[in-house]
N, C-alpha and C. Protein backbone atom coordinates (compact mmCIF):
# COMPACT_ATOMS: atom_id res chain seq x y z
N MET A 1 0.84 -1.17 0.00
CA MET A 1 0.00 0.00 0.00
C MET A 1 0.89 1.24 0.00
N LEU A 2 0.64 2.14 -0.94
CA LEU A 2 1.49 3.32 -1.12
C LEU A 2 0.74 4.56 -0.63
N ILE A 3 1.32 5.24 0.37
CA ILE A 3 0.67 6.37 1.03
C ILE A 3 1.32 7.69 0.60
N HIS A 4 0.54 8.55 -0.02
CA HIS A 4 1.06 9.82 -0.51
C HIS A 4 1.29 10.82 0.63
N GLY A 5 1.95 11.92 0.31
CA GLY A 5 2.30 12.91 1.31
C GLY A 5 1.40 14.13 1.34
N PHE A 6 1.87 15.15 2.06
CA PHE A 6 1.11 16.39 2.26
C PHE A 6 0.80 17.11 0.95
N ASN A 7 -0.44 17.56 0.85
CA ASN A 7 -0.89 18.35 -0.30
C ASN A 7 -0.72 17.61 -1.62
N LYS A 8 -0.78 16.29 -1.55
CA LYS A 8 -0.70 15.45 -2.75
C LYS A 8 -1.91 14.53 -2.82
N GLN A 9 -2.06 13.88 -3.96
CA GLN A 9 -3.10 12.88 -4.13
C GLN A 9 -2.45 11.54 -4.45
N SER A 10 -3.26 10.51 -4.50
CA SER A 10 -2.71 9.17 -4.73
C SER A 10 -1.96 9.06 -6.05
N ASP A 11 -2.30 9.91 -7.03
CA ASP A 11 -1.61 9.88 -8.32
C ASP A 11 -0.11 10.11 -8.18
N ASP A 12 0.30 10.80 -7.12
CA ASP A 12 1.71 11.09 -6.92
C ASP A 12 2.51 9.83 -6.67
N MET A 13 1.84 8.75 -6.28
CA MET A 13 2.53 7.49 -6.00
C MET A 13 2.52 6.54 -7.20
N LYS A 14 1.94 6.96 -8.32
CA LYS A 14 1.84 6.08 -9.48
C LYS A 14 3.19 5.68 -10.09
N PRO A 15 4.17 6.59 -10.15
CA PRO A 15 5.48 6.14 -10.65
C PRO A 15 6.07 5.00 -9.80
N LEU A 16 5.94 5.12 -8.47
CA LEU A 16 6.43 4.05 -7.60
C LEU A 16 5.59 2.79 -7.79
N GLN A 17 4.30 2.96 -7.97
CA GLN A 17 3.43 1.81 -8.25
C GLN A 17 3.89 1.08 -9.51
N HIS A 18 4.19 1.84 -10.55
CA HIS A 18 4.64 1.25 -11.81
C HIS A 18 5.93 0.45 -11.61
N HIS A 19 6.90 1.04 -10.92
CA HIS A 19 8.18 0.35 -10.70
C HIS A 19 8.00 -0.92 -9.87
N LEU A 20 7.16 -0.84 -8.83
CA LEU A 20 6.98 -2.00 -7.95
C LEU A 20 6.16 -3.10 -8.63
N GLU A 21 5.20 -2.71 -9.44
CA GLU A 21 4.42 -3.73 -10.15
C GLU A 21 5.29 -4.46 -11.18
N GLU A 22 6.28 -3.77 -11.73
CA GLU A 22 7.23 -4.44 -12.62
C GLU A 22 8.03 -5.49 -11.86
N LEU A 23 8.15 -5.29 -10.55
CA LEU A 23 8.91 -6.22 -9.71
C LEU A 23 8.01 -7.30 -9.11
N GLY A 24 6.73 -7.28 -9.48
CA GLY A 24 5.83 -8.35 -9.06
C GLY A 24 4.86 -8.04 -7.95
N TYR A 25 4.79 -6.80 -7.51
CA TYR A 25 3.89 -6.44 -6.42
C TYR A 25 2.52 -6.01 -6.94
N THR A 26 1.52 -6.17 -6.10
CA THR A 26 0.20 -5.59 -6.33
C THR A 26 0.09 -4.38 -5.41
N CYS A 27 -0.20 -3.22 -5.96
CA CYS A 27 -0.18 -1.99 -5.16
C CYS A 27 -1.56 -1.36 -5.04
N LEU A 28 -1.86 -0.86 -3.86
CA LEU A 28 -3.06 -0.08 -3.59
C LEU A 28 -2.65 1.34 -3.27
N LEU A 29 -3.40 2.32 -3.80
CA LEU A 29 -3.08 3.74 -3.60
C LEU A 29 -4.27 4.45 -2.97
N PRO A 30 -4.40 4.41 -1.64
CA PRO A 30 -5.53 5.07 -1.01
C PRO A 30 -5.44 6.60 -1.11
N GLU A 31 -6.58 7.23 -1.20
CA GLU A 31 -6.66 8.70 -1.24
C GLU A 31 -6.93 9.19 0.18
N LEU A 32 -5.96 9.93 0.74
CA LEU A 32 -6.09 10.37 2.13
C LEU A 32 -6.16 11.89 2.23
N PRO A 33 -6.84 12.41 3.25
CA PRO A 33 -6.98 13.86 3.43
C PRO A 33 -5.76 14.48 4.10
N LEU A 34 -4.69 14.66 3.34
CA LEU A 34 -3.43 15.16 3.91
C LEU A 34 -3.11 16.58 3.43
N THR A 35 -4.13 17.42 3.44
CA THR A 35 -3.94 18.83 3.15
C THR A 35 -4.67 19.68 4.18
N PHE A 36 -5.95 19.43 4.32
CA PHE A 36 -6.79 20.28 5.17
C PHE A 36 -7.20 19.61 6.48
N GLN A 37 -6.66 18.41 6.75
CA GLN A 37 -7.01 17.70 7.98
C GLN A 37 -5.75 17.17 8.66
N ASP A 38 -5.89 16.81 9.93
CA ASP A 38 -4.77 16.31 10.71
C ASP A 38 -4.37 14.90 10.27
N VAL A 39 -3.14 14.51 10.63
CA VAL A 39 -2.67 13.16 10.34
C VAL A 39 -3.59 12.11 10.98
N GLU A 40 -4.15 12.45 12.15
CA GLU A 40 -5.05 11.51 12.81
C GLU A 40 -6.27 11.19 11.94
N ASP A 41 -6.77 12.18 11.23
CA ASP A 41 -7.93 11.96 10.35
C ASP A 41 -7.56 11.04 9.19
N ALA A 42 -6.37 11.26 8.62
CA ALA A 42 -5.91 10.42 7.52
C ALA A 42 -5.68 8.98 8.01
N THR A 43 -5.16 8.85 9.23
CA THR A 43 -4.92 7.53 9.79
C THR A 43 -6.22 6.77 10.00
N ALA A 44 -7.24 7.48 10.47
CA ALA A 44 -8.55 6.86 10.68
C ALA A 44 -9.11 6.32 9.37
N LEU A 45 -8.92 7.07 8.29
CA LEU A 45 -9.40 6.62 6.99
C LEU A 45 -8.58 5.42 6.50
N LEU A 46 -7.27 5.44 6.75
CA LEU A 46 -6.43 4.31 6.36
C LEU A 46 -6.83 3.06 7.13
N GLU A 47 -7.22 3.22 8.38
CA GLU A 47 -7.68 2.08 9.17
C GLU A 47 -8.94 1.47 8.55
N GLU A 48 -9.81 2.32 8.01
CA GLU A 48 -11.01 1.82 7.33
C GLU A 48 -10.62 0.98 6.11
N VAL A 49 -9.62 1.49 5.37
CA VAL A 49 -9.14 0.75 4.20
C VAL A 49 -8.56 -0.58 4.62
N MET A 50 -7.76 -0.57 5.67
CA MET A 50 -7.13 -1.80 6.16
C MET A 50 -8.18 -2.82 6.61
N SER A 51 -9.23 -2.33 7.24
CA SER A 51 -10.25 -3.23 7.78
C SER A 51 -11.03 -3.96 6.68
N LYS A 52 -10.99 -3.43 5.46
CA LYS A 52 -11.73 -4.03 4.35
C LYS A 52 -10.88 -4.98 3.51
N LEU A 53 -9.60 -5.08 3.83
CA LEU A 53 -8.72 -5.97 3.08
C LEU A 53 -8.96 -7.42 3.48
N ASP A 54 -8.90 -8.29 2.50
CA ASP A 54 -9.06 -9.72 2.76
C ASP A 54 -7.68 -10.33 3.03
N THR A 55 -7.40 -10.56 4.30
CA THR A 55 -6.11 -11.16 4.68
C THR A 55 -6.33 -12.55 5.27
N SER A 56 -7.42 -13.18 4.86
CA SER A 56 -7.80 -14.48 5.42
C SER A 56 -6.80 -15.58 5.10
N ILE A 57 -6.04 -15.41 4.02
CA ILE A 57 -5.06 -16.44 3.66
C ILE A 57 -3.68 -16.15 4.24
N GLY A 58 -3.63 -15.18 5.15
CA GLY A 58 -2.39 -14.90 5.86
C GLY A 58 -1.42 -13.99 5.16
N GLU A 59 -1.85 -13.32 4.09
CA GLU A 59 -0.96 -12.40 3.38
C GLU A 59 -0.70 -11.14 4.22
N LYS A 60 0.51 -10.63 4.12
CA LYS A 60 0.88 -9.40 4.82
C LYS A 60 0.72 -8.20 3.89
N VAL A 61 0.41 -7.06 4.47
CA VAL A 61 0.31 -5.82 3.71
C VAL A 61 1.53 -4.97 4.05
N HIS A 62 2.38 -4.72 3.07
CA HIS A 62 3.53 -3.83 3.26
C HIS A 62 3.07 -2.39 3.05
N LEU A 63 3.58 -1.48 3.86
CA LEU A 63 3.19 -0.08 3.79
C LEU A 63 4.38 0.78 3.40
N ILE A 64 4.21 1.58 2.35
CA ILE A 64 5.27 2.48 1.88
C ILE A 64 4.71 3.89 1.90
N GLY A 65 5.35 4.80 2.61
CA GLY A 65 4.84 6.16 2.70
C GLY A 65 5.86 7.19 2.27
N HIS A 66 5.41 8.20 1.54
CA HIS A 66 6.28 9.31 1.17
C HIS A 66 5.96 10.50 2.07
N SER A 67 6.99 11.09 2.64
CA SER A 67 6.85 12.31 3.44
C SER A 67 5.83 12.11 4.57
N THR A 68 4.78 12.94 4.61
CA THR A 68 3.78 12.85 5.67
C THR A 68 3.08 11.50 5.66
N GLY A 69 3.04 10.85 4.50
CA GLY A 69 2.45 9.51 4.44
C GLY A 69 3.15 8.54 5.37
N GLY A 70 4.43 8.75 5.60
CA GLY A 70 5.17 7.91 6.53
C GLY A 70 4.71 8.11 7.96
N LEU A 71 4.31 9.35 8.31
CA LEU A 71 3.80 9.60 9.65
C LEU A 71 2.46 8.92 9.85
N VAL A 72 1.66 8.85 8.80
CA VAL A 72 0.39 8.14 8.87
C VAL A 72 0.64 6.66 9.18
N ILE A 73 1.65 6.10 8.53
CA ILE A 73 2.00 4.70 8.78
C ILE A 73 2.43 4.50 10.23
N ARG A 74 3.27 5.40 10.71
CA ARG A 74 3.73 5.28 12.10
C ARG A 74 2.58 5.40 13.08
N LYS A 75 1.66 6.29 12.79
CA LYS A 75 0.48 6.45 13.64
C LYS A 75 -0.38 5.19 13.61
N LEU A 76 -0.52 4.60 12.44
CA LEU A 76 -1.32 3.38 12.29
C LEU A 76 -0.75 2.24 13.13
N ILE A 77 0.57 2.16 13.19
CA ILE A 77 1.22 1.07 13.91
C ILE A 77 0.91 1.10 15.41
N THR A 78 0.54 2.28 15.92
CA THR A 78 0.21 2.35 17.35
C THR A 78 -1.05 1.56 17.67
N ASN A 79 -1.85 1.27 16.65
CA ASN A 79 -3.03 0.43 16.85
C ASN A 79 -2.63 -1.03 16.67
N ARG A 80 -2.51 -1.73 17.75
CA ARG A 80 -1.99 -3.10 17.72
C ARG A 80 -2.92 -4.07 17.01
N LYS A 81 -4.09 -3.60 16.67
CA LYS A 81 -5.06 -4.42 15.94
C LYS A 81 -4.48 -4.95 14.63
N TYR A 82 -3.53 -4.19 14.06
CA TYR A 82 -3.02 -4.53 12.74
C TYR A 82 -1.65 -5.21 12.77
N MET A 83 -1.20 -5.61 13.96
CA MET A 83 0.13 -6.19 14.09
C MET A 83 0.32 -7.44 13.22
N ASP A 84 -0.74 -8.23 13.09
CA ASP A 84 -0.62 -9.47 12.32
C ASP A 84 -0.91 -9.27 10.84
N THR A 85 -1.33 -8.06 10.48
CA THR A 85 -1.68 -7.76 9.09
C THR A 85 -0.54 -7.05 8.36
N ILE A 86 0.17 -6.19 9.07
CA ILE A 86 1.22 -5.37 8.46
C ILE A 86 2.51 -6.17 8.32
N GLY A 87 3.12 -6.10 7.15
CA GLY A 87 4.40 -6.75 6.91
C GLY A 87 5.53 -5.80 7.28
N ARG A 88 6.31 -5.38 6.28
CA ARG A 88 7.38 -4.42 6.50
C ARG A 88 6.95 -3.03 6.00
N CYS A 89 7.60 -2.02 6.52
CA CYS A 89 7.25 -0.64 6.16
C CYS A 89 8.50 0.12 5.72
N VAL A 90 8.32 1.01 4.75
CA VAL A 90 9.41 1.89 4.30
C VAL A 90 8.89 3.32 4.30
N LEU A 91 9.61 4.20 4.97
CA LEU A 91 9.27 5.61 5.05
C LEU A 91 10.24 6.38 4.17
N ILE A 92 9.73 7.08 3.17
CA ILE A 92 10.57 7.79 2.21
C ILE A 92 10.47 9.29 2.46
N ALA A 93 11.60 9.92 2.83
CA ALA A 93 11.65 11.37 3.06
C ALA A 93 10.62 11.81 4.11
N THR A 94 10.43 11.00 5.12
CA THR A 94 9.45 11.30 6.18
C THR A 94 10.11 12.10 7.30
N PRO A 95 9.51 13.21 7.72
CA PRO A 95 10.08 14.03 8.80
C PRO A 95 9.81 13.43 10.18
N ASN A 96 10.48 12.35 10.50
CA ASN A 96 10.22 11.63 11.74
C ASN A 96 10.57 12.42 12.99
N LYS A 97 11.40 13.44 12.85
CA LYS A 97 11.74 14.30 13.99
C LYS A 97 11.19 15.71 13.78
N GLY A 98 10.18 15.82 12.95
CA GLY A 98 9.58 17.13 12.71
C GLY A 98 10.18 17.82 11.49
N ASN A 99 9.50 18.83 11.02
CA ASN A 99 9.92 19.56 9.84
C ASN A 99 10.09 21.03 10.19
N LYS A 100 11.31 21.54 10.05
CA LYS A 100 11.59 22.93 10.43
C LYS A 100 10.78 23.92 9.60
N LEU A 101 10.55 23.59 8.33
CA LEU A 101 9.76 24.48 7.48
C LEU A 101 8.32 24.53 7.96
N ALA A 102 7.80 23.39 8.42
CA ALA A 102 6.45 23.35 8.96
C ALA A 102 6.35 24.16 10.25
N MET A 103 7.43 24.10 11.03
CA MET A 103 7.46 24.89 12.27
C MET A 103 7.39 26.38 11.97
N LEU A 104 8.09 26.80 10.92
CA LEU A 104 8.03 28.21 10.52
C LEU A 104 6.63 28.57 10.02
N ALA A 105 6.06 27.68 9.22
CA ALA A 105 4.72 27.92 8.68
C ALA A 105 3.66 27.93 9.78
N SER A 106 3.89 27.15 10.84
CA SER A 106 2.90 27.06 11.91
C SER A 106 2.74 28.36 12.67
N LYS A 107 3.71 29.26 12.52
CA LYS A 107 3.61 30.56 13.17
C LYS A 107 2.62 31.47 12.46
N VAL A 108 2.26 31.10 11.23
CA VAL A 108 1.26 31.88 10.49
C VAL A 108 -0.10 31.21 10.75
N LYS A 109 -0.85 31.77 11.66
CA LYS A 109 -2.08 31.13 12.14
C LYS A 109 -3.07 30.85 11.02
N LEU A 110 -3.25 31.79 10.10
CA LEU A 110 -4.22 31.60 9.03
C LEU A 110 -3.83 30.42 8.15
N TYR A 111 -2.52 30.29 7.90
CA TYR A 111 -2.03 29.20 7.04
C TYR A 111 -2.36 27.85 7.65
N THR A 112 -2.05 27.68 8.94
CA THR A 112 -2.28 26.39 9.59
C THR A 112 -3.77 26.16 9.87
N LYS A 113 -4.53 27.24 9.93
CA LYS A 113 -5.98 27.08 10.10
C LYS A 113 -6.59 26.45 8.86
N ILE A 114 -6.01 26.78 7.70
CA ILE A 114 -6.49 26.23 6.43
C ILE A 114 -5.83 24.88 6.16
N TYR A 115 -4.49 24.87 6.19
CA TYR A 115 -3.73 23.65 5.90
C TYR A 115 -3.40 22.94 7.22
N LYS A 116 -4.39 22.29 7.77
CA LYS A 116 -4.26 21.71 9.11
C LYS A 116 -3.20 20.62 9.19
N THR A 117 -2.92 19.95 8.07
CA THR A 117 -1.92 18.88 8.10
C THR A 117 -0.56 19.41 8.53
N VAL A 118 -0.27 20.68 8.23
CA VAL A 118 1.03 21.27 8.58
C VAL A 118 1.28 21.20 10.08
N LYS A 119 0.23 21.35 10.87
CA LYS A 119 0.39 21.28 12.32
C LYS A 119 0.87 19.90 12.78
N SER A 120 0.63 18.89 11.95
CA SER A 120 1.05 17.53 12.28
C SER A 120 2.52 17.29 11.99
N LEU A 121 3.20 18.27 11.39
CA LEU A 121 4.59 18.09 10.98
C LEU A 121 5.58 18.74 11.93
N THR A 122 5.09 19.35 13.00
CA THR A 122 6.00 19.96 13.97
C THR A 122 6.50 18.90 14.94
N GLN A 123 7.67 19.12 15.51
CA GLN A 123 8.25 18.17 16.46
C GLN A 123 7.32 17.94 17.63
N GLU A 124 6.73 19.01 18.14
CA GLU A 124 5.83 18.89 19.28
C GLU A 124 4.65 17.98 18.98
N LYS A 125 4.08 18.14 17.80
CA LYS A 125 2.92 17.32 17.43
C LYS A 125 3.32 15.87 17.23
N ILE A 126 4.44 15.64 16.55
CA ILE A 126 4.90 14.27 16.32
C ILE A 126 5.20 13.57 17.65
N ASP A 127 5.79 14.30 18.59
CA ASP A 127 6.05 13.72 19.90
C ASP A 127 4.75 13.31 20.59
N SER A 128 3.69 14.08 20.35
CA SER A 128 2.41 13.79 21.00
C SER A 128 1.74 12.55 20.43
N TYR A 129 2.20 12.07 19.26
CA TYR A 129 1.61 10.86 18.70
C TYR A 129 1.94 9.64 19.56
N GLN A 130 3.04 9.73 20.32
CA GLN A 130 3.47 8.63 21.17
C GLN A 130 3.54 7.32 20.37
N PHE A 131 4.30 7.38 19.31
CA PHE A 131 4.46 6.18 18.47
C PHE A 131 5.00 5.02 19.30
N SER A 132 4.37 3.89 19.13
CA SER A 132 4.80 2.69 19.86
C SER A 132 5.86 1.94 19.06
N HIS A 133 6.94 1.57 19.73
CA HIS A 133 7.98 0.78 19.06
C HIS A 133 8.02 -0.64 19.62
N ASP A 134 7.06 -0.96 20.47
CA ASP A 134 6.99 -2.29 21.06
C ASP A 134 6.19 -3.20 20.13
N HIS A 135 6.79 -3.50 18.99
CA HIS A 135 6.13 -4.35 18.00
C HIS A 135 7.22 -5.07 17.20
N LYS A 136 6.80 -6.01 16.37
CA LYS A 136 7.76 -6.78 15.59
C LYS A 136 7.83 -6.32 14.14
N ILE A 137 7.22 -5.21 13.84
CA ILE A 137 7.20 -4.72 12.46
C ILE A 137 8.55 -4.06 12.14
N GLU A 138 9.15 -4.48 11.04
CA GLU A 138 10.43 -3.90 10.63
C GLU A 138 10.17 -2.65 9.78
N ILE A 139 10.88 -1.59 10.12
CA ILE A 139 10.68 -0.31 9.43
C ILE A 139 12.03 0.21 8.92
N ALA A 140 12.07 0.61 7.67
CA ALA A 140 13.27 1.24 7.09
C ALA A 140 12.90 2.64 6.64
N ALA A 141 13.90 3.49 6.50
CA ALA A 141 13.68 4.84 6.03
C ALA A 141 14.72 5.22 4.98
N ILE A 142 14.28 5.95 3.98
CA ILE A 142 15.16 6.44 2.92
C ILE A 142 15.08 7.95 2.89
N ALA A 143 16.23 8.62 2.96
CA ALA A 143 16.27 10.09 2.94
C ALA A 143 16.93 10.58 1.67
N GLY A 144 16.49 11.72 1.20
CA GLY A 144 17.13 12.37 0.07
C GLY A 144 18.10 13.44 0.54
N ASN A 145 19.21 13.61 -0.15
CA ASN A 145 20.18 14.63 0.25
C ASN A 145 20.54 15.58 -0.88
N LYS A 146 19.67 15.66 -1.90
CA LYS A 146 19.89 16.56 -3.03
C LYS A 146 18.84 17.66 -2.98
N SER A 147 19.27 18.87 -2.67
CA SER A 147 18.34 19.98 -2.52
C SER A 147 18.37 20.89 -3.74
N ARG A 148 17.26 20.90 -4.49
CA ARG A 148 17.14 21.80 -5.63
C ARG A 148 16.03 22.83 -5.39
N LEU A 149 15.40 22.76 -4.22
CA LEU A 149 14.28 23.64 -3.91
C LEU A 149 14.77 24.81 -3.06
N TRP A 150 14.30 26.01 -3.37
CA TRP A 150 14.84 27.19 -2.68
C TRP A 150 14.55 27.16 -1.19
N LEU A 151 13.46 26.50 -0.77
CA LEU A 151 13.15 26.42 0.65
C LEU A 151 14.22 25.63 1.41
N GLY A 152 14.93 24.78 0.68
CA GLY A 152 16.00 24.03 1.32
C GLY A 152 17.10 24.91 1.86
N ARG A 153 17.19 26.12 1.34
CA ARG A 153 18.21 27.06 1.83
C ARG A 153 17.92 27.53 3.25
N LEU A 154 16.69 27.35 3.70
CA LEU A 154 16.33 27.73 5.06
C LEU A 154 16.72 26.66 6.07
N LEU A 155 17.18 25.52 5.58
CA LEU A 155 17.59 24.42 6.45
C LEU A 155 19.11 24.39 6.56
N ASP A 156 19.60 24.17 7.77
CA ASP A 156 21.04 24.26 8.02
C ASP A 156 21.81 23.02 7.57
N LYS A 157 21.20 21.85 7.72
CA LYS A 157 21.92 20.60 7.48
C LYS A 157 21.51 19.99 6.15
N ALA A 158 22.17 18.88 5.79
CA ALA A 158 21.86 18.17 4.54
C ALA A 158 20.37 17.88 4.46
N ASN A 159 19.76 18.16 3.32
CA ASN A 159 18.31 18.00 3.19
C ASN A 159 17.94 17.74 1.74
N ASP A 160 16.66 17.45 1.52
CA ASP A 160 16.16 17.19 0.17
C ASP A 160 15.37 18.36 -0.40
N GLY A 161 15.51 19.52 0.25
CA GLY A 161 14.76 20.70 -0.16
C GLY A 161 13.53 20.93 0.69
N ARG A 162 13.15 19.95 1.48
CA ARG A 162 12.00 20.05 2.37
C ARG A 162 12.30 19.46 3.75
N VAL A 163 12.99 18.32 3.77
CA VAL A 163 13.22 17.59 5.02
C VAL A 163 14.71 17.31 5.20
N GLU A 164 15.21 17.57 6.39
CA GLU A 164 16.61 17.28 6.68
C GLU A 164 16.83 15.77 6.82
N VAL A 165 17.98 15.32 6.35
CA VAL A 165 18.33 13.89 6.45
C VAL A 165 18.25 13.43 7.90
N ALA A 166 18.73 14.25 8.82
CA ALA A 166 18.75 13.89 10.23
C ALA A 166 17.35 13.71 10.80
N SER A 167 16.36 14.35 10.20
CA SER A 167 14.99 14.23 10.68
C SER A 167 14.33 12.94 10.21
N VAL A 168 14.83 12.38 9.12
CA VAL A 168 14.26 11.13 8.60
C VAL A 168 14.67 9.94 9.47
N TYR A 169 15.86 10.00 10.02
CA TYR A 169 16.38 8.89 10.82
C TYR A 169 15.82 8.91 12.24
N PHE A 170 15.53 7.73 12.78
CA PHE A 170 15.28 7.59 14.21
C PHE A 170 15.79 6.21 14.65
N PRO A 171 16.22 6.08 15.89
CA PRO A 171 16.97 4.89 16.33
C PRO A 171 16.26 3.56 16.15
N GLU A 172 14.94 3.54 16.19
CA GLU A 172 14.21 2.28 16.14
C GLU A 172 14.12 1.68 14.74
N LEU A 173 14.69 2.35 13.74
CA LEU A 173 14.64 1.84 12.38
C LEU A 173 15.43 0.53 12.24
N THR A 174 14.93 -0.34 11.39
CA THR A 174 15.65 -1.56 11.06
C THR A 174 16.81 -1.26 10.11
N ASP A 175 16.60 -0.30 9.21
CA ASP A 175 17.64 0.08 8.25
C ASP A 175 17.40 1.51 7.79
N PHE A 176 18.47 2.13 7.30
CA PHE A 176 18.39 3.53 6.87
C PHE A 176 19.39 3.75 5.75
N ALA A 177 19.00 4.54 4.75
CA ALA A 177 19.89 4.84 3.63
C ALA A 177 19.53 6.20 3.04
N THR A 178 20.45 6.77 2.28
CA THR A 178 20.20 8.04 1.60
C THR A 178 20.37 7.86 0.09
N LEU A 179 19.69 8.71 -0.66
CA LEU A 179 19.80 8.74 -2.11
C LEU A 179 19.94 10.19 -2.58
N PRO A 180 20.63 10.42 -3.69
CA PRO A 180 20.88 11.79 -4.15
C PRO A 180 19.71 12.37 -4.94
N TYR A 181 18.55 12.48 -4.27
CA TYR A 181 17.37 13.03 -4.92
C TYR A 181 16.68 14.04 -4.02
N GLY A 182 15.82 14.87 -4.64
CA GLY A 182 15.07 15.85 -3.90
C GLY A 182 13.75 15.30 -3.40
N HIS A 183 13.07 16.09 -2.58
CA HIS A 183 11.86 15.64 -1.91
C HIS A 183 10.74 15.27 -2.88
N LYS A 184 10.62 16.02 -3.95
CA LYS A 184 9.51 15.82 -4.87
C LYS A 184 9.75 14.71 -5.89
N GLU A 185 10.98 14.19 -5.92
CA GLU A 185 11.31 13.20 -6.95
C GLU A 185 11.80 11.87 -6.41
N ILE A 186 12.20 11.83 -5.16
CA ILE A 186 12.85 10.63 -4.62
C ILE A 186 11.96 9.39 -4.72
N HIS A 187 10.67 9.54 -4.49
CA HIS A 187 9.77 8.38 -4.52
C HIS A 187 9.36 7.97 -5.92
N HIS A 188 9.83 8.70 -6.92
CA HIS A 188 9.52 8.37 -8.32
C HIS A 188 10.64 7.59 -9.00
N GLN A 189 11.74 7.39 -8.30
CA GLN A 189 12.93 6.82 -8.91
C GLN A 189 12.96 5.29 -8.86
N LYS A 190 13.49 4.69 -9.93
CA LYS A 190 13.66 3.23 -9.96
C LYS A 190 14.60 2.77 -8.85
N GLU A 191 15.59 3.57 -8.57
CA GLU A 191 16.56 3.23 -7.52
C GLU A 191 15.88 3.12 -6.17
N THR A 192 14.92 4.02 -5.93
CA THR A 192 14.16 3.96 -4.69
C THR A 192 13.32 2.71 -4.63
N ALA A 193 12.65 2.40 -5.74
CA ALA A 193 11.83 1.18 -5.81
C ALA A 193 12.67 -0.07 -5.57
N ALA A 194 13.90 -0.07 -6.08
CA ALA A 194 14.79 -1.21 -5.89
C ALA A 194 15.13 -1.39 -4.42
N MET A 195 15.35 -0.25 -3.72
CA MET A 195 15.62 -0.32 -2.28
C MET A 195 14.41 -0.85 -1.53
N VAL A 196 13.24 -0.35 -1.89
CA VAL A 196 12.00 -0.81 -1.25
C VAL A 196 11.84 -2.32 -1.46
N ASP A 197 12.03 -2.76 -2.68
CA ASP A 197 11.89 -4.18 -3.01
C ASP A 197 12.85 -5.03 -2.18
N ARG A 198 14.10 -4.59 -2.09
CA ARG A 198 15.10 -5.36 -1.34
C ARG A 198 14.73 -5.46 0.14
N PHE A 199 14.22 -4.35 0.68
CA PHE A 199 13.85 -4.38 2.10
C PHE A 199 12.64 -5.27 2.34
N LEU A 200 11.66 -5.20 1.45
CA LEU A 200 10.47 -6.03 1.63
C LEU A 200 10.80 -7.51 1.52
N ARG A 201 11.76 -7.85 0.66
CA ARG A 201 12.11 -9.25 0.45
C ARG A 201 13.17 -9.76 1.42
N GLU A 202 14.16 -8.89 1.72
CA GLU A 202 15.33 -9.36 2.47
C GLU A 202 15.56 -8.65 3.80
N GLY A 203 14.80 -7.58 4.07
CA GLY A 203 14.97 -6.88 5.33
C GLY A 203 16.14 -5.93 5.36
N ARG A 204 16.65 -5.52 4.17
CA ARG A 204 17.75 -4.55 4.10
C ARG A 204 17.58 -3.71 2.83
N LEU A 205 18.04 -2.49 2.89
CA LEU A 205 17.90 -1.56 1.77
C LEU A 205 19.00 -1.69 0.74
N LEU A 206 20.19 -2.00 1.20
CA LEU A 206 21.36 -2.05 0.32
C LEU A 206 21.82 -3.48 0.10
N PRO A 207 22.39 -3.76 -1.06
CA PRO A 207 22.93 -5.11 -1.30
C PRO A 207 24.13 -5.38 -0.40
N ARG A 208 24.41 -6.60 -0.16
CA ARG A 208 25.55 -6.95 0.69
C ARG A 208 26.86 -6.65 -0.02
């Protein structure tokens, strides 16, 4: 299942869908409210989608999220109801430690009143999710370190133009890697799909 990011629609995940289907996967692209609503609202809708899946034959559902979509996945994992349904997860360019640009935007009250998802990208809000790591689900993260976006100049450390590499990493990850792409393109690359495939099959992002 491929989860799109902030201010995007499921179509944004179609390039990754194409690459993964070439590798033999069946992909679902849910449409989530990740512009004008909180991450909690998107997670509730994803739970509805999960509840309708037929997993009676014991198949696992792997979850791949880009940017804010990765936070939705992390929030979903706190519901232990899905522990036996979820396989492995990959978070691509996800601001796991918050997004400095979102923190700046959150100071503009009118902006966050309209684009409510932005409030879910601050460190304070992410900390309040109380993500549970007491589970057996393996999670990997891929960060981009190629910044071609002017907003990336507002970030001090290596970043993809939107999210700092250091924010993508967190200690509980099973694996972590970087790729030389920007935030808007990293999830469209064949190289990214290859990493996702390797992790889903072998539990590692990079070849030995």
